[in-house]
Structure formats: C-alpha cells, structure tokens
Amino acid sequence: MKISSLVRGKQMGQLGKIYGEYRFTLAPNEQKPMKGFFQTAVVNVIKDNIIDRWFYFIPQTIGMYLLYDWAKKANHEASKKDPSIYANDV
C-alpha cells in the first residue's frame, strides 16, 4: 500500500499531477437552469395526465356528475311539501 502524499508531508497544491481526469464547466452567466422548464412542464402534465390517461378519469367524472345531478334532483323532490296535505288548513 502506497503512502499518500499528505502523509509524506506535502502541502495542498503540491500533491502531484492527476492524469486522465477532465472537468468541464460553464461560467455562471452561461448557465440557464430553468430554460424551457415551464413550457415542458405544462406540456408534460397535459400529455401524461390528460391525453395518455383520459380513459381513467373521464368516464368516472361523467358518472359522478350524473349521480350528483340525480341526487340533487331527488333531494329537491323529497324536500317539497305536498299541497294536498295542507288543503283543509285555514
């Protein structure tokens, strides 16, 4: 096992050369981390959730709306007073 350069007493910056390692960077003013985020986010949400999976939620939505509409009408009819019951009241 080789003794590292730090253990041999060398300071940082004089540790030796590293071959075969490449680093590529961009200057901070060249980076655009949010480039196209909002356009792709909206398109992906529409594509993934509405266009590709419409058959999951459209029939259920229609069915629940029809059930809601029927229940609302049935409740309105059930809560009405029958005028024939109160015909003899003065």
PDB file of N, CA and C in Angstrom:
ATOM      1  N   MET A   1       0.849  -1.175   0.000  1.00  0.00           N
ATOM      2  CA  MET A   1       0.000   0.000   0.000  1.00  0.00           C
ATOM      3  C   MET A   1       0.891   1.233   0.000  1.00  0.00           C
ATOM      4  N   LYS A   2       0.582   2.163  -0.909  1.00  0.00           N
ATOM      5  CA  LYS A   2       1.397   3.365  -1.020  1.00  0.00           C
ATOM      6  C   LYS A   2       0.994   4.375   0.041  1.00  0.00           C
ATOM      7  N   ILE A   3       1.959   5.094   0.503  1.00  0.00           N
ATOM      8  CA  ILE A   3       1.696   6.160   1.465  1.00  0.00           C
ATOM      9  C   ILE A   3       1.266   7.381   0.667  1.00  0.00           C
ATOM     10  N   SER A   4       0.194   8.031   1.105  1.00  0.00           N
ATOM     11  CA  SER A   4      -0.319   9.159   0.354  1.00  0.00           C
ATOM     12  C   SER A   4       0.621  10.347   0.480  1.00  0.00           C
ATOM     13  N   SER A   5       0.423  11.300  -0.406  1.00  0.00           N
ATOM     14  CA  SER A   5       1.283  12.486  -0.432  1.00  0.00           C
ATOM     15  C   SER A   5       1.115  13.325   0.819  1.00  0.00           C
ATOM     16  N   LEU A   6      -0.087  13.344   1.378  1.00  0.00           N
ATOM     17  CA  LEU A   6      -0.296  14.142   2.580  1.00  0.00           C
ATOM     18  C   LEU A   6       0.466  13.566   3.766  1.00  0.00           C
ATOM     19  N   VAL A   7       0.482  12.254   3.852  1.00  0.00           N
ATOM     20  CA  VAL A   7       1.196  11.625   4.950  1.00  0.00           C
ATOM     21  C   VAL A   7       2.693  11.863   4.808  1.00  0.00           C
ATOM     22  N   ARG A   8       3.194  11.951   3.574  1.00  0.00           N
ATOM     23  CA  ARG A   8       4.613  12.195   3.354  1.00  0.00           C
ATOM     24  C   ARG A   8       4.994  13.645   3.576  1.00  0.00           C
ATOM     25  N   GLY A   9       4.036  14.502   3.937  1.00  0.00           N
ATOM     26  CA  GLY A   9       4.372  15.858   4.321  1.00  0.00           C
ATOM     27  C   GLY A   9       4.193  16.906   3.253  1.00  0.00           C
ATOM     28  N   LYS A  10       3.619  16.577   2.126  1.00  0.00           N
ATOM     29  CA  LYS A  10       3.409  17.587   1.093  1.00  0.00           C
ATOM     30  C   LYS A  10       2.169  18.404   1.417  1.00  0.00           C
ATOM     31  N   GLN A  11       2.170  19.627   0.979  1.00  0.00           N
ATOM     32  CA  GLN A  11       1.062  20.544   1.218  1.00  0.00           C
ATOM     33  C   GLN A  11       0.061  20.450   0.070  1.00  0.00           C
ATOM     34  N   MET A  12      -1.132  20.979   0.318  1.00  0.00           N
ATOM     35  CA  MET A  12      -2.154  21.011  -0.721  1.00  0.00           C
ATOM     36  C   MET A  12      -1.653  21.881  -1.865  1.00  0.00           C
ATOM     37  N   GLY A  13      -1.836  21.425  -3.077  1.00  0.00           N
ATOM     38  CA  GLY A  13      -1.346  22.132  -4.246  1.00  0.00           C
ATOM     39  C   GLY A  13      -0.032  21.560  -4.741  1.00  0.00           C
ATOM     40  N   GLN A  14       0.656  20.788  -3.956  1.00  0.00           N
ATOM     41  CA  GLN A  14       1.915  20.164  -4.359  1.00  0.00           C
ATOM     42  C   GLN A  14       1.808  18.642  -4.258  1.00  0.00           C
ATOM     43  N   LEU A  15       0.628  18.121  -4.363  1.00  0.00           N
ATOM     44  CA  LEU A  15       0.411  16.701  -4.132  1.00  0.00           C
ATOM     45  C   LEU A  15       0.770  15.832  -5.327  1.00  0.00           C
ATOM     46  N   GLY A  16       0.876  16.372  -6.472  1.00  0.00           N
ATOM     47  CA  GLY A  16       1.208  15.588  -7.653  1.00  0.00           C
ATOM     48  C   GLY A  16       0.183  15.814  -8.740  1.00  0.00           C
ATOM     49  N   LYS A  17       0.479  15.314  -9.919  1.00  0.00           N
ATOM     50  CA  LYS A  17      -0.403  15.515 -11.051  1.00  0.00           C
ATOM     51  C   LYS A  17      -1.325  14.320 -11.208  1.00  0.00           C
ATOM     52  N   ILE A  18      -2.553  14.605 -11.595  1.00  0.00           N
ATOM     53  CA  ILE A  18      -3.535  13.559 -11.857  1.00  0.00           C
ATOM     54  C   ILE A  18      -3.730  13.516 -13.359  1.00  0.00           C
ATOM     55  N   TYR A  19      -3.544  12.350 -13.941  1.00  0.00           N
ATOM     56  CA  TYR A  19      -3.669  12.189 -15.377  1.00  0.00           C
ATOM     57  C   TYR A  19      -4.987  11.490 -15.701  1.00  0.00           C
ATOM     58  N   GLY A  20      -5.595  11.895 -16.818  1.00  0.00           N
ATOM     59  CA  GLY A  20      -6.809  11.229 -17.284  1.00  0.00           C
ATOM     60  C   GLY A  20      -8.090  11.742 -16.666  1.00  0.00           C
ATOM     61  N   GLU A  21      -8.046  12.818 -15.925  1.00  0.00           N
ATOM     62  CA  GLU A  21      -9.259  13.383 -15.339  1.00  0.00           C
ATOM     63  C   GLU A  21      -9.534  14.716 -16.011  1.00  0.00           C
ATOM     64  N   TYR A  22     -10.731  14.827 -16.566  1.00  0.00           N
ATOM     65  CA  TYR A  22     -11.112  16.048 -17.264  1.00  0.00           C
ATOM     66  C   TYR A  22     -12.333  16.628 -16.595  1.00  0.00           C
ATOM     67  N   ARG A  23     -12.347  17.916 -16.462  1.00  0.00           N
ATOM     68  CA  ARG A  23     -13.507  18.598 -15.873  1.00  0.00           C
ATOM     69  C   ARG A  23     -13.965  19.687 -16.824  1.00  0.00           C
ATOM     70  N   PHE A  24     -15.266  19.660 -17.106  1.00  0.00           N
ATOM     71  CA  PHE A  24     -15.850  20.655 -17.985  1.00  0.00           C
ATOM     72  C   PHE A  24     -16.859  21.461 -17.181  1.00  0.00           C
ATOM     73  N   THR A  25     -16.760  22.757 -17.258  1.00  0.00           N
ATOM     74  CA  THR A  25     -17.691  23.615 -16.529  1.00  0.00           C
ATOM     75  C   THR A  25     -18.153  24.752 -17.423  1.00  0.00           C
ATOM     76  N   LEU A  26     -19.250  25.342 -17.027  1.00  0.00           N
ATOM     77  CA  LEU A  26     -19.751  26.549 -17.682  1.00  0.00           C
ATOM     78  C   LEU A  26     -19.644  27.708 -16.698  1.00  0.00           C
ATOM     79  N   ALA A  27     -19.437  28.860 -17.239  1.00  0.00           N
ATOM     80  CA  ALA A  27     -19.428  30.052 -16.394  1.00  0.00           C
ATOM     81  C   ALA A  27     -20.844  30.288 -15.872  1.00  0.00           C
ATOM     82  N   PRO A  28     -20.993  30.887 -14.685  1.00  0.00           N
ATOM     83  CA  PRO A  28     -22.335  31.104 -14.127  1.00  0.00           C
ATOM     84  C   PRO A  28     -23.241  31.930 -15.034  1.00  0.00           C
ATOM     85  N   ASN A  29     -22.674  32.850 -15.805  1.00  0.00           N
ATOM     86  CA  ASN A  29     -23.520  33.661 -16.677  1.00  0.00           C
ATOM     87  C   ASN A  29     -23.934  32.898 -17.932  1.00  0.00           C
ATOM     88  N   GLU A  30     -23.357  31.729 -18.201  1.00  0.00           N
ATOM     89  CA  GLU A  30     -23.743  30.934 -19.354  1.00  0.00           C
ATOM     90  C   GLU A  30     -24.773  29.865 -19.016  1.00  0.00           C
ATOM     91  N   GLN A  31     -25.022  29.648 -17.755  1.00  0.00           N
ATOM     92  CA  GLN A  31     -25.945  28.592 -17.345  1.00  0.00           C
ATOM     93  C   GLN A  31     -27.381  29.097 -17.350  1.00  0.00           C
ATOM     94  N   LYS A  32     -28.266  28.255 -17.808  1.00  0.00           N
ATOM     95  CA  LYS A  32     -29.699  28.566 -17.788  1.00  0.00           C
ATOM     96  C   LYS A  32     -30.416  27.363 -17.194  1.00  0.00           C
ATOM     97  N   PRO A  33     -30.458  27.254 -15.869  1.00  0.00           N
ATOM     98  CA  PRO A  33     -31.022  26.050 -15.262  1.00  0.00           C
ATOM     99  C   PRO A  33     -32.530  25.903 -15.458  1.00  0.00           C
ATOM    100  N   MET A  34     -33.253  26.988 -15.661  1.00  0.00           N
ATOM    101  CA  MET A  34     -34.706  26.904 -15.809  1.00  0.00           C
ATOM    102  C   MET A  34     -35.143  27.067 -17.267  1.00  0.00           C
ATOM    103  N   LYS A  35     -34.207  26.903 -18.206  1.00  0.00           N
ATOM    104  CA  LYS A  35     -34.532  27.106 -19.609  1.00  0.00           C
ATOM    105  C   LYS A  35     -35.554  26.070 -20.074  1.00  0.00           C
ATOM    106  N   GLY A  36     -36.688  26.525 -20.542  1.00  0.00           N
ATOM    107  CA  GLY A  36     -37.726  25.656 -21.060  1.00  0.00           C
ATOM    108  C   GLY A  36     -38.479  24.867 -20.013  1.00  0.00           C
ATOM    109  N   PHE A  37     -38.277  25.145 -18.736  1.00  0.00           N
ATOM    110  CA  PHE A  37     -38.922  24.356 -17.683  1.00  0.00           C
ATOM    111  C   PHE A  37     -40.435  24.501 -17.721  1.00  0.00           C
ATOM    112  N   PHE A  38     -40.934  25.720 -17.790  1.00  0.00           N
ATOM    113  CA  PHE A  38     -42.374  25.924 -17.708  1.00  0.00           C
ATOM    114  C   PHE A  38     -43.089  25.399 -18.954  1.00  0.00           C
ATOM    115  N   GLN A  39     -42.475  25.558 -20.112  1.00  0.00           N
ATOM    116  CA  GLN A  39     -43.100  25.034 -21.326  1.00  0.00           C
ATOM    117  C   GLN A  39     -43.147  23.514 -21.296  1.00  0.00           C
ATOM    118  N   THR A  40     -42.048  22.891 -20.942  1.00  0.00           N
ATOM    119  CA  THR A  40     -42.042  21.429 -20.925  1.00  0.00           C
ATOM    120  C   THR A  40     -42.878  20.889 -19.775  1.00  0.00           C
ATOM    121  N   ALA A  41     -42.933  21.595 -18.661  1.00  0.00           N
ATOM    122  CA  ALA A  41     -43.724  21.122 -17.525  1.00  0.00           C
ATOM    123  C   ALA A  41     -45.208  21.109 -17.890  1.00  0.00           C
ATOM    124  N   VAL A  42     -45.692  22.171 -18.491  1.00  0.00           N
ATOM    125  CA  VAL A  42     -47.103  22.243 -18.867  1.00  0.00           C
ATOM    126  C   VAL A  42     -47.425  21.199 -19.930  1.00  0.00           C
ATOM    127  N   VAL A  43     -46.554  21.074 -20.916  1.00  0.00           N
ATOM    128  CA  VAL A  43     -46.782  20.098 -21.989  1.00  0.00           C
ATOM    129  C   VAL A  43     -46.764  18.675 -21.424  1.00  0.00           C
ATOM    130  N   ASN A  44     -45.814  18.370 -20.548  1.00  0.00           N
ATOM    131  CA  ASN A  44     -45.729  17.024 -19.985  1.00  0.00           C
ATOM    132  C   ASN A  44     -46.923  16.695 -19.099  1.00  0.00           C
ATOM    133  N   VAL A  45     -47.404  17.663 -18.322  1.00  0.00           N
ATOM    134  CA  VAL A  45     -48.573  17.416 -17.477  1.00  0.00           C
ATOM    135  C   VAL A  45     -49.796  17.143 -18.337  1.00  0.00           C
ATOM    136  N   ILE A  46     -49.990  17.932 -19.362  1.00  0.00           N
ATOM    137  CA  ILE A  46     -51.137  17.717 -20.245  1.00  0.00           C
ATOM    138  C   ILE A  46     -51.012  16.386 -20.961  1.00  0.00           C
ATOM    139  N   LYS A  47     -49.830  16.098 -21.475  1.00  0.00           N
ATOM    140  CA  LYS A  47     -49.632  14.859 -22.224  1.00  0.00           C
ATOM    141  C   LYS A  47     -49.761  13.631 -21.332  1.00  0.00           C
ATOM    142  N   ASP A  48     -49.102  13.645 -20.191  1.00  0.00           N
ATOM    143  CA  ASP A  48     -49.079  12.457 -19.341  1.00  0.00           C
ATOM    144  C   ASP A  48     -50.389  12.224 -18.614  1.00  0.00           C
ATOM    145  N   ASN A  49     -51.077  13.266 -18.220  1.00  0.00           N
ATOM    146  CA  ASN A  49     -52.249  13.094 -17.371  1.00  0.00           C
ATOM    147  C   ASN A  49     -53.575  13.223 -18.091  1.00  0.00           C
ATOM    148  N   ILE A  50     -53.629  13.909 -19.184  1.00  0.00           N
ATOM    149  CA  ILE A  50     -54.912  14.116 -19.856  1.00  0.00           C
ATOM    150  C   ILE A  50     -54.989  13.313 -21.148  1.00  0.00           C
ATOM    151  N   ILE A  51     -54.011  13.447 -21.994  1.00  0.00           N
ATOM    152  CA  ILE A  51     -54.076  12.786 -23.297  1.00  0.00           C
ATOM    153  C   ILE A  51     -53.835  11.286 -23.159  1.00  0.00           C
ATOM    154  N   ASP A  52     -52.823  10.897 -22.386  1.00  0.00           N
ATOM    155  CA  ASP A  52     -52.480   9.481 -22.295  1.00  0.00           C
ATOM    156  C   ASP A  52     -53.399   8.690 -21.366  1.00  0.00           C
ATOM    157  N   ARG A  53     -54.041   9.339 -20.417  1.00  0.00           N
ATOM    158  CA  ARG A  53     -54.841   8.600 -19.429  1.00  0.00           C
ATOM    159  C   ARG A  53     -56.277   9.098 -19.331  1.00  0.00           C
ATOM    160  N   TRP A  54     -56.849   9.598 -20.397  1.00  0.00           N
ATOM    161  CA  TRP A  54     -58.202  10.147 -20.343  1.00  0.00           C
ATOM    162  C   TRP A  54     -59.221   9.079 -19.967  1.00  0.00           C
ATOM    163  N   PHE A  55     -58.989   7.832 -20.369  1.00  0.00           N
ATOM    164  CA  PHE A  55     -59.956   6.776 -20.131  1.00  0.00           C
ATOM    165  C   PHE A  55     -60.046   6.388 -18.667  1.00  0.00           C
ATOM    166  N   TYR A  56     -59.116   6.865 -17.825  1.00  0.00           N
ATOM    167  CA  TYR A  56     -59.215   6.591 -16.392  1.00  0.00           C
ATOM    168  C   TYR A  56     -60.174   7.549 -15.690  1.00  0.00           C
ATOM    169  N   PHE A  57     -60.133   8.826 -16.056  1.00  0.00           N
ATOM    170  CA  PHE A  57     -60.910   9.777 -15.268  1.00  0.00           C
ATOM    171  C   PHE A  57     -62.126  10.367 -15.975  1.00  0.00           C
ATOM    172  N   ILE A  58     -62.192  10.350 -17.277  1.00  0.00           N
ATOM    173  CA  ILE A  58     -63.354  10.923 -17.969  1.00  0.00           C
ATOM    174  C   ILE A  58     -64.629  10.105 -17.692  1.00  0.00           C
ATOM    175  N   PRO A  59     -64.660   8.780 -17.838  1.00  0.00           N
ATOM    176  CA  PRO A  59     -65.899   8.042 -17.537  1.00  0.00           C
ATOM    177  C   PRO A  59     -66.319   8.178 -16.076  1.00  0.00           C
ATOM    178  N   GLN A  60     -65.372   8.159 -15.163  1.00  0.00           N
ATOM    179  CA  GLN A  60     -65.710   8.315 -13.746  1.00  0.00           C
ATOM    180  C   GLN A  60     -66.254   9.707 -13.465  1.00  0.00           C
ATOM    181  N   THR A  61     -65.681  10.700 -14.101  1.00  0.00           N
ATOM    182  CA  THR A  61     -66.158  12.074 -13.905  1.00  0.00           C
ATOM    183  C   THR A  61     -67.580  12.221 -14.425  1.00  0.00           C
ATOM    184  N   ILE A  62     -67.852  11.672 -15.588  1.00  0.00           N
ATOM    185  CA  ILE A  62     -69.206  11.749 -16.144  1.00  0.00           C
ATOM    186  C   ILE A  62     -70.190  10.993 -15.250  1.00  0.00           C
ATOM    187  N   GLY A  63     -69.814   9.796 -14.809  1.00  0.00           N
ATOM    188  CA  GLY A  63     -70.681   9.016 -13.934  1.00  0.00           C
ATOM    189  C   GLY A  63     -70.964   9.720 -12.621  1.00  0.00           C
ATOM    190  N   MET A  64     -69.958  10.309 -12.011  1.00  0.00           N
ATOM    191  CA  MET A  64     -70.162  11.011 -10.741  1.00  0.00           C
ATOM    192  C   MET A  64     -71.009  12.268 -10.939  1.00  0.00           C
ATOM    193  N   TYR A  65     -70.851  12.955 -12.070  1.00  0.00           N
ATOM    194  CA  TYR A  65     -71.694  14.114 -12.321  1.00  0.00           C
ATOM    195  C   TYR A  65     -73.157  13.702 -12.466  1.00  0.00           C
ATOM    196  N   LEU A  66     -73.394  12.614 -13.200  1.00  0.00           N
ATOM    197  CA  LEU A  66     -74.779  12.145 -13.356  1.00  0.00           C
ATOM    198  C   LEU A  66     -75.366  11.710 -12.010  1.00  0.00           C
ATOM    199  N   LEU A  67     -74.587  11.028 -11.183  1.00  0.00           N
ATOM    200  CA  LEU A  67     -75.051  10.639  -9.853  1.00  0.00           C
ATOM    201  C   LEU A  67     -75.348  11.864  -8.990  1.00  0.00           C
ATOM    202  N   TYR A  68     -74.472  12.869  -9.036  1.00  0.00           N
ATOM    203  CA  TYR A  68     -74.670  14.115  -8.281  1.00  0.00           C
ATOM    204  C   TYR A  68     -75.946  14.824  -8.731  1.00  0.00           C
ATOM    205  N   ASP A  69     -76.135  14.909 -10.048  1.00  0.00           N
ATOM    206  CA  ASP A  69     -77.314  15.591 -10.581  1.00  0.00           C
ATOM    207  C   ASP A  69     -78.597  14.859 -10.173  1.00  0.00           C
ATOM    208  N   TRP A  70     -78.586  13.518 -10.262  1.00  0.00           N
ATOM    209  CA  TRP A  70     -79.748  12.738  -9.843  1.00  0.00           C
ATOM    210  C   TRP A  70     -80.032  12.917  -8.354  1.00  0.00           C
ATOM    211  N   ALA A  71     -78.999  12.888  -7.513  1.00  0.00           N
ATOM    212  CA  ALA A  71     -79.183  13.032  -6.067  1.00  0.00           C
ATOM    213  C   ALA A  71     -79.712  14.421  -5.719  1.00  0.00           C
ATOM    214  N   LYS A  72     -79.239  15.427  -6.413  1.00  0.00           N
ATOM    215  CA  LYS A  72     -79.715  16.790  -6.145  1.00  0.00           C
ATOM    216  C   LYS A  72     -81.194  16.926  -6.509  1.00  0.00           C
ATOM    217  N   LYS A  73     -81.589  16.379  -7.647  1.00  0.00           N
ATOM    218  CA  LYS A  73     -82.992  16.442  -8.056  1.00  0.00           C
ATOM    219  C   LYS A  73     -83.889  15.616  -7.113  1.00  0.00           C
ATOM    220  N   ALA A  74     -83.394  14.441  -6.706  1.00  0.00           N
ATOM    221  CA  ALA A  74     -84.168  13.588  -5.799  1.00  0.00           C
ATOM    222  C   ALA A  74     -84.330  14.264  -4.437  1.00  0.00           C
ATOM    223  N   ASN A  75     -83.319  14.929  -3.976  1.00  0.00           N
ATOM    224  CA  ASN A  75     -83.396  15.647  -2.700  1.00  0.00           C
ATOM    225  C   ASN A  75     -84.381  16.802  -2.799  1.00  0.00           C
ATOM    226  N   HIS A  76     -84.366  17.500  -3.909  1.00  0.00           N
ATOM    227  CA  HIS A  76     -85.303  18.611  -4.089  1.00  0.00           C
ATOM    228  C   HIS A  76     -86.745  18.099  -4.102  1.00  0.00           C
ATOM    229  N   GLU A  77     -86.981  16.995  -4.780  1.00  0.00           N
ATOM    230  CA  GLU A  77     -88.328  16.424  -4.814  1.00  0.00           C
ATOM    231  C   GLU A  77     -88.746  15.904  -3.442  1.00  0.00           C
ATOM    232  N   ALA A  78     -87.836  15.324  -2.699  1.00  0.00           N
ATOM    233  CA  ALA A  78     -88.172  14.758  -1.391  1.00  0.00           C
ATOM    234  C   ALA A  78     -88.422  15.844  -0.354  1.00  0.00           C
ATOM    235  N   SER A  79     -87.814  16.998  -0.519  1.00  0.00           N
ATOM    236  CA  SER A  79     -87.970  18.058   0.472  1.00  0.00           C
ATOM    237  C   SER A  79     -89.149  18.987   0.176  1.00  0.00           C
ATOM    238  N   LYS A  80     -89.843  18.787  -0.935  1.00  0.00           N
ATOM    239  CA  LYS A  80     -91.016  19.617  -1.244  1.00  0.00           C
ATOM    240  C   LYS A  80     -92.186  19.200  -0.363  1.00  0.00           C
ATOM    241  N   LYS A  81     -92.981  20.160  -0.020  1.00  0.00           N
ATOM    242  CA  LYS A  81     -94.208  19.862   0.738  1.00  0.00           C
ATOM    243  C   LYS A  81     -95.318  19.507  -0.237  1.00  0.00           C
ATOM    244  N   ASP A  82     -96.133  18.547   0.166  1.00  0.00           N
ATOM    245  CA  ASP A  82     -97.269  18.126  -0.659  1.00  0.00           C
ATOM    246  C   ASP A  82     -98.444  19.061  -0.361  1.00  0.00           C
ATOM    247  N   PRO A  83     -98.918  19.828  -1.335  1.00  0.00           N
ATOM    248  CA  PRO A  83    -100.010  20.776  -1.077  1.00  0.00           C
ATOM    249  C   PRO A  83    -101.329  20.100  -0.693  1.00  0.00           C
ATOM    250  N   SER A  84    -101.521  18.845  -1.076  1.00  0.00           N
ATOM    251  CA  SER A  84    -102.791  18.179  -0.742  1.00  0.00           C
ATOM    252  C   SER A  84    -102.916  17.914   0.761  1.00  0.00           C
ATOM    253  N   ILE A  85    -101.817  17.817   1.452  1.00  0.00           N
ATOM    254  CA  ILE A  85    -101.865  17.603   2.898  1.00  0.00           C
ATOM    255  C   ILE A  85    -102.397  18.845   3.604  1.00  0.00           C
ATOM    256  N   TYR A  86    -102.088  20.001   3.094  1.00  0.00           N
ATOM    257  CA  TYR A  86    -102.459  21.261   3.753  1.00  0.00           C
ATOM    258  C   TYR A  86    -103.672  21.933   3.102  1.00  0.00           C
ATOM    259  N   ALA A  87    -104.466  21.206   2.318  1.00  0.00           N
ATOM    260  CA  ALA A  87    -105.607  21.799   1.609  1.00  0.00           C
ATOM    261  C   ALA A  87    -106.712  22.244   2.565  1.00  0.00           C
ATOM    262  N   ASN A  88    -106.930  21.548   3.671  1.00  0.00           N
ATOM    263  CA  ASN A  88    -108.032  21.867   4.587  1.00  0.00           C
ATOM    264  C   ASN A  88    -107.600  22.807   5.710  1.00  0.00           C
ATOM    265  N   ASP A  89    -106.348  23.178   5.774  1.00  0.00           N
ATOM    266  CA  ASP A  89    -105.901  24.096   6.832  1.00  0.00           C
ATOM    267  C   ASP A  89    -106.339  25.516   6.519  1.00  0.00           C
ATOM    268  N   VAL A  90    -106.733  26.206   7.566  1.00  0.00           N
ATOM    269  CA  VAL A  90    -107.146  27.603   7.391  1.00  0.00           C
ATOM    270  C   VAL A  90    -106.244  28.514   8.166  1.00  0.00           C
TER     271      VAL A  90
END
